[in-house]
């Protein structure tokens, strides 16, 4: 099966690729179809992708993405899903958040544990990721609390605490093998992100820089802040450098990822906070990061086995 989504003659199609519990899939599709029929968005086609029996492709007449997102979530969660307006393509650019997306941890929270401050700092982190606090103010507050921590605590933290999310390296290296440029953009710190990017395979890193004095963190950041606006700007600048027609994908989990997710052709909320989930046109809640490769119709025997 090949994707054929398009808009022509005033008739719009939304294409969905979905991975959900196979035991209840047929029943849930029927329930979803009935709900959307009443709402004026009939199901035009449904079938499993030939290459992978896990991925269901559906096409709907209409253009109401928020409605479709809500109904899909109600019918199938937990699931992995992407909604697209055009035929699916392997992206030319992939821009991703780091903490709780490409790695399973929040670096600043783990680093804070070395200063005996994890509980206090993680509470601020959670509220910032939920969109309850201004990102820059919350970041500066947390960094100030780390003043005096030896710089070598970062090395220990990386070695002892920080691990890639399952499927992260396979996703990035497989996309790169298809000609996709990969960028890690984080509201975290280069001390961590440079190492993580090297482990996973990203082409470029954008992040914040911790100031260090006499071998210790001095509680300040060096240079401009990498925030939600920066994340979106990086995606847009990288897309422009690739020329017209470049397809983009972004992944993230928190409120500061929302502008980037919304700017991408495929905005993937990975086990995300509610506000980020609601803003994205794709999500991964059931599988690991390789679910994205399945939904892009990249055969598993061509994946990078890293």
Protein backbone atom coordinates (compact mmCIF):
# COMPACT_ATOMS: atom_id res chain seq x y z
CA UNK A 1 0.00 0.00 0.00
CA UNK A 2 1.32 3.45 -0.79
CA UNK A 3 0.11 6.68 0.81
CA UNK A 4 -1.94 8.88 -1.50
CA UNK A 5 -3.06 11.79 0.67
CA UNK A 6 -3.71 15.07 -1.12
CA UNK A 7 -6.06 18.00 -1.40
CA UNK A 8 -7.58 18.66 -4.78
CA UNK A 9 -10.66 20.30 -6.14
CA UNK A 10 -11.67 21.44 -2.67
CA UNK A 11 -11.71 17.85 -1.38
CA UNK A 12 -9.27 17.26 1.47
CA UNK A 13 -7.90 14.00 2.78
CA UNK A 14 -6.15 13.43 6.08
CA UNK A 15 -3.91 10.38 6.22
CA UNK A 16 -3.35 8.53 9.49
CA UNK A 17 -0.78 5.88 10.26
CA UNK A 18 -1.44 4.10 13.52
CA UNK A 19 0.06 1.33 15.67
CA UNK A 20 -2.31 0.11 18.38
CA UNK A 21 -3.35 -3.04 20.25
CA UNK A 22 -4.10 -5.59 17.50
CA UNK A 23 -6.49 -7.54 19.72
CA UNK A 24 -9.01 -4.70 19.80
CA UNK A 25 -8.09 -2.86 16.61
CA UNK A 26 -11.05 -3.87 14.44
CA UNK A 27 -13.64 -3.02 17.08
CA UNK A 28 -12.04 0.31 17.83
CA UNK A 29 -11.83 1.24 14.15
CA UNK A 30 -15.57 0.64 13.84
CA UNK A 31 -16.30 2.80 16.89
CA UNK A 32 -14.04 5.58 15.60
CA UNK A 33 -15.57 5.39 12.12
CA UNK A 34 -19.08 5.81 13.52
CA UNK A 35 -18.06 8.78 15.67
CA UNK A 36 -16.34 10.59 12.80
CA UNK A 37 -19.17 9.81 10.37
CA UNK A 38 -21.56 11.70 12.65
CA UNK A 39 -19.05 14.57 12.84
CA UNK A 40 -18.88 14.84 9.05
CA UNK A 41 -15.46 13.24 8.58
CA UNK A 42 -16.10 9.88 6.92
CA UNK A 43 -13.48 7.15 6.71
CA UNK A 44 -12.55 6.88 3.02
CA UNK A 45 -10.12 3.97 3.26
CA UNK A 46 -8.43 1.71 5.80
CA UNK A 47 -5.87 -1.07 5.42
CA UNK A 48 -2.68 -2.45 6.90
CA UNK A 49 0.54 -1.38 5.21
CA UNK A 50 1.89 -4.22 3.11
CA UNK A 51 5.42 -3.97 4.48
CA UNK A 52 4.39 -4.12 8.13
CA UNK A 53 1.33 -5.80 9.62
CA UNK A 54 1.50 -3.50 12.64
CA UNK A 55 0.75 -0.23 10.85
CA UNK A 56 -2.82 0.67 9.93
CA UNK A 57 -3.25 3.42 7.34
CA UNK A 58 -6.54 5.29 7.21
CA UNK A 59 -7.72 8.17 5.05
CA UNK A 60 -10.45 10.57 6.10
CA UNK A 61 -12.43 13.09 4.08
CA UNK A 62 -11.96 16.40 5.84
CA UNK A 63 -9.33 18.70 7.32
CA UNK A 64 -10.18 18.95 11.04
CA UNK A 65 -6.93 17.73 12.61
CA UNK A 66 -7.87 18.65 16.21
CA UNK A 67 -11.10 16.65 15.95
CA UNK A 68 -9.34 13.68 14.39
CA UNK A 69 -6.63 13.79 17.04
CA UNK A 70 -9.19 13.74 19.85
CA UNK A 71 -11.18 10.87 18.39
CA UNK A 72 -8.08 8.79 17.64
CA UNK A 73 -6.80 9.33 21.17
CA UNK A 74 -10.14 8.36 22.68
CA UNK A 75 -10.44 5.24 20.53
CA UNK A 76 -6.92 3.82 20.53
CA UNK A 77 -4.74 5.09 23.39
CA UNK A 78 -2.13 4.00 24.16
CA UNK A 79 -1.00 4.08 20.54
CA UNK A 80 1.58 5.46 18.14
CA UNK A 81 0.20 7.70 15.42
CA UNK A 82 0.97 10.34 12.79
CA UNK A 83 -1.62 12.48 11.00
CA UNK A 84 -0.54 13.96 7.65
CA UNK A 85 -2.11 16.12 4.97
CA UNK A 86 0.17 14.91 2.19
CA UNK A 87 1.70 11.63 1.08
CA UNK A 88 4.14 10.31 3.67
CA UNK A 89 7.83 10.81 2.97
CA UNK A 90 11.03 10.14 4.87
CA UNK A 91 11.95 13.56 6.28
CA UNK A 92 14.87 15.58 4.98
CA UNK A 93 15.39 17.10 8.43
CA UNK A 94 14.88 15.72 11.93
CA UNK A 95 15.13 18.08 14.91
CA UNK A 96 14.72 16.62 18.39
CA UNK A 97 14.63 17.58 22.02
CA UNK A 98 17.05 15.69 24.28
CA UNK A 99 15.79 15.23 27.85
CA UNK A 100 13.01 12.64 28.22
CA UNK A 101 12.98 12.25 24.43
CA UNK A 102 16.35 11.07 23.09
CA UNK A 103 17.44 10.15 26.62
CA UNK A 104 15.33 8.77 29.42
CA UNK A 105 16.26 11.38 32.00
CA UNK A 106 16.17 15.12 32.73
CA UNK A 107 19.89 15.93 32.99
CA UNK A 108 19.55 18.85 35.36
CA UNK A 109 17.49 16.74 37.78
CA UNK A 110 20.07 13.96 37.80
CA UNK A 111 22.91 16.46 38.20
CA UNK A 112 21.05 18.08 41.08
CA UNK A 113 21.12 14.75 42.89
CA UNK A 114 24.90 15.13 43.22
CA UNK A 115 24.22 18.36 45.13
CA UNK A 116 21.45 16.82 47.25
CA UNK A 117 18.85 18.99 45.50
CA UNK A 118 17.07 16.59 43.16
CA UNK A 119 13.65 16.81 44.76
CA UNK A 120 13.63 20.60 44.79
CA UNK A 121 14.98 21.04 41.25
CA UNK A 122 12.90 18.26 39.68
CA UNK A 123 9.75 19.94 40.96
CA UNK A 124 10.69 23.10 39.08
CA UNK A 125 11.57 21.08 35.98
CA UNK A 126 8.21 19.32 35.96
CA UNK A 127 6.27 22.56 36.25
CA UNK A 128 8.31 24.12 33.44
CA UNK A 129 7.75 21.14 31.15
CA UNK A 130 4.02 21.25 31.90
CA UNK A 131 4.03 24.89 30.78
CA UNK A 132 3.22 26.23 34.24
CA UNK A 133 6.42 28.30 34.58
CA UNK A 134 8.36 30.63 32.28
CA UNK A 135 11.09 28.44 30.81
CA UNK A 136 14.00 30.90 31.03
CA UNK A 137 13.25 31.97 34.60
CA UNK A 138 12.86 28.36 35.71
CA UNK A 139 16.11 27.40 34.01
CA UNK A 140 18.11 30.23 35.57
CA UNK A 141 16.66 29.43 39.00
CA UNK A 142 17.68 25.78 38.76
CA UNK A 143 21.17 26.59 37.48
CA UNK A 144 21.70 29.07 40.32
CA UNK A 145 20.97 26.31 42.84
CA UNK A 146 23.88 24.29 41.42
CA UNK A 147 26.47 26.93 42.27
CA UNK A 148 29.58 25.35 43.74
CA UNK A 149 29.02 21.87 42.32
CA UNK A 150 32.31 20.47 40.92
CA UNK A 151 32.36 20.26 37.12
CA UNK A 152 33.47 16.63 37.28
CA UNK A 153 30.04 15.78 38.72
CA UNK A 154 28.78 16.18 35.13
CA UNK A 155 31.13 13.44 33.94
CA UNK A 156 29.99 11.16 36.73
CA UNK A 157 26.37 11.95 35.98
CA UNK A 158 26.82 11.12 32.30
CA UNK A 159 28.51 7.83 33.10
CA UNK A 160 26.19 6.74 35.89
CA UNK A 161 22.76 8.20 35.10
CA UNK A 162 22.24 9.18 31.46
CA UNK A 163 21.03 6.53 29.01
CA UNK A 164 19.61 6.84 25.48
CA UNK A 165 15.91 6.15 25.04
CA UNK A 166 15.21 2.75 23.49
CA UNK A 167 15.44 3.05 19.72
CA UNK A 168 17.08 6.50 19.71
CA UNK A 169 20.30 5.56 17.92
CA UNK A 170 18.47 3.27 15.51
CA UNK A 171 16.06 6.08 14.62
CA UNK A 172 18.73 8.73 14.09
CA UNK A 173 21.21 6.58 12.19
CA UNK A 174 18.51 5.05 10.00
CA UNK A 175 17.18 8.49 9.08
CA UNK A 176 20.73 9.62 8.30
CA UNK A 177 21.21 6.62 6.04
CA UNK A 178 18.25 7.94 4.04
CA UNK A 179 19.85 11.37 3.64
CA UNK A 180 18.11 13.08 6.56
CA UNK A 181 19.97 15.82 8.46
CA UNK A 182 19.67 15.40 12.24
CA UNK A 183 19.84 18.14 14.87
CA UNK A 184 19.66 17.81 18.66
CA UNK A 185 18.28 21.05 20.14
CA UNK A 186 17.86 21.22 23.88
CA UNK A 187 17.02 23.57 26.70
CA UNK A 188 19.63 21.55 28.57
CA UNK A 189 23.39 21.90 28.44
CA UNK A 190 26.20 21.30 25.97
CA UNK A 191 28.13 19.50 28.71
CA UNK A 192 25.56 16.71 28.33
CA UNK A 193 24.19 17.23 24.83
CA UNK A 194 27.53 17.04 23.02
CA UNK A 195 28.19 13.61 24.53
CA UNK A 196 24.64 12.39 23.95
CA UNK A 197 24.69 13.59 20.32
CA UNK A 198 27.93 11.71 19.72
CA UNK A 199 26.53 8.52 21.24
CA UNK A 200 23.30 8.66 19.24
CA UNK A 201 24.65 10.12 16.00
CA UNK A 202 23.26 13.64 15.59
CA UNK A 203 24.88 15.95 13.03
CA UNK A 204 24.51 19.16 15.05
CA UNK A 205 23.86 20.23 18.63
CA UNK A 206 22.19 23.42 19.90
CA UNK A 207 21.89 24.00 23.64
CA UNK A 208 22.74 26.11 26.68
CA UNK A 209 26.18 26.51 28.23
CA UNK A 210 26.94 26.27 31.93
CA UNK A 211 29.55 28.71 33.24
CA UNK A 212 32.42 27.13 35.14
CA UNK A 213 34.91 28.91 37.39
CA UNK A 214 37.88 27.21 39.03
CA UNK A 215 36.47 23.79 38.23
CA UNK A 216 33.04 24.47 39.72
CA UNK A 217 29.67 25.57 38.38
CA UNK A 218 29.18 29.23 39.25
CA UNK A 219 25.40 29.26 39.01
CA UNK A 220 25.20 31.13 35.68
CA UNK A 221 24.70 30.41 32.00
CA UNK A 222 26.99 31.67 29.24
CA UNK A 223 25.42 33.25 26.16
CA UNK A 224 21.87 33.30 24.85
CA UNK A 225 19.23 30.92 26.16
CA UNK A 226 18.05 28.03 24.01
CA UNK A 227 14.29 28.15 24.56
CA UNK A 228 11.13 27.30 22.64
CA UNK A 229 11.66 30.14 20.16
CA UNK A 230 15.21 28.95 19.52
CA UNK A 231 14.02 25.42 18.86
CA UNK A 232 11.55 26.61 16.25
CA UNK A 233 14.09 28.98 14.70
CA UNK A 234 16.66 26.18 14.37
CA UNK A 235 14.11 24.01 12.58
CA UNK A 236 13.13 26.83 10.22
CA UNK A 237 16.72 27.84 9.45
CA UNK A 238 17.78 24.25 8.82
CA UNK A 239 14.75 23.70 6.58
CA UNK A 240 15.54 26.84 4.57
CA UNK A 241 19.13 25.66 4.08
CA UNK A 242 17.83 22.45 2.50
CA UNK A 243 15.82 24.32 -0.11
CA UNK A 244 12.18 24.28 -1.15
CA UNK A 245 10.11 21.18 -0.57
CA UNK A 246 12.15 19.84 2.35
CA UNK A 247 10.08 17.68 4.69
CA UNK A 248 10.69 18.17 8.40
CA UNK A 249 10.10 16.10 11.51
CA UNK A 250 10.49 17.16 15.13
CA UNK A 251 10.22 15.23 18.39
CA UNK A 252 9.80 16.44 21.95
CA UNK A 253 7.87 15.97 25.17
CA UNK A 254 7.45 19.31 26.95
CA UNK A 255 5.75 22.67 26.62
CA UNK A 256 8.95 24.31 25.37
CA UNK A 257 8.88 21.94 22.37
CA UNK A 258 5.44 23.06 21.18
CA UNK A 259 6.50 25.74 18.63
CA UNK A 260 8.99 23.30 17.08
CA UNK A 261 6.40 20.51 16.93
CA UNK A 262 3.86 22.80 15.32
CA UNK A 263 6.35 24.07 12.72
CA UNK A 264 7.34 20.59 11.54
CA UNK A 265 5.51 18.56 8.91
CA UNK A 266 5.55 15.67 11.37
CA UNK A 267 5.53 16.86 14.97
CA UNK A 268 5.97 13.82 17.21
CA UNK A 269 5.11 14.07 20.90
CA UNK A 270 7.11 11.33 22.60
CA UNK A 271 5.45 10.16 25.84
CA UNK A 272 4.71 13.82 26.23
CA UNK A 273 3.16 16.21 28.70
CA UNK A 274 -0.51 16.99 27.87
CA UNK A 275 0.08 20.41 26.30
CA UNK A 276 2.77 19.08 23.97
CA UNK A 277 0.65 16.06 23.10
CA UNK A 278 -2.30 18.26 22.17
CA UNK A 279 -0.14 20.48 19.95
CA UNK A 280 1.42 17.67 17.90
CA UNK A 281 0.11 15.87 14.84
CA UNK A 282 1.91 12.69 15.87
CA UNK A 283 2.61 10.85 19.09
CA UNK A 284 4.39 7.79 20.46
CA UNK A 285 2.84 6.45 23.65
CA UNK A 286 2.90 2.69 23.09
CA UNK A 287 6.21 1.68 21.49
CA UNK A 288 9.75 3.01 21.46
CA UNK A 289 11.30 5.49 19.05
CA UNK A 290 11.54 2.91 16.27
CA UNK A 291 7.74 3.16 15.97
CA UNK A 292 8.45 6.32 13.98
CA UNK A 293 10.41 4.31 11.42
CA UNK A 294 7.52 1.87 11.07
CA UNK A 295 5.04 4.70 10.51
CA UNK A 296 7.37 6.22 7.88
CA UNK A 297 7.24 2.84 6.07
CA UNK A 298 10.97 2.14 6.48
CA UNK A 299 11.49 -1.60 6.43
CA UNK A 300 13.04 -3.08 9.58
CA UNK A 301 15.65 -5.02 7.60
CA UNK A 302 17.11 -1.64 6.52
CA UNK A 303 17.29 -0.14 10.01
CA UNK A 304 20.61 0.75 11.57
CA UNK A 305 21.17 -1.92 14.22
CA UNK A 306 22.97 0.23 16.77
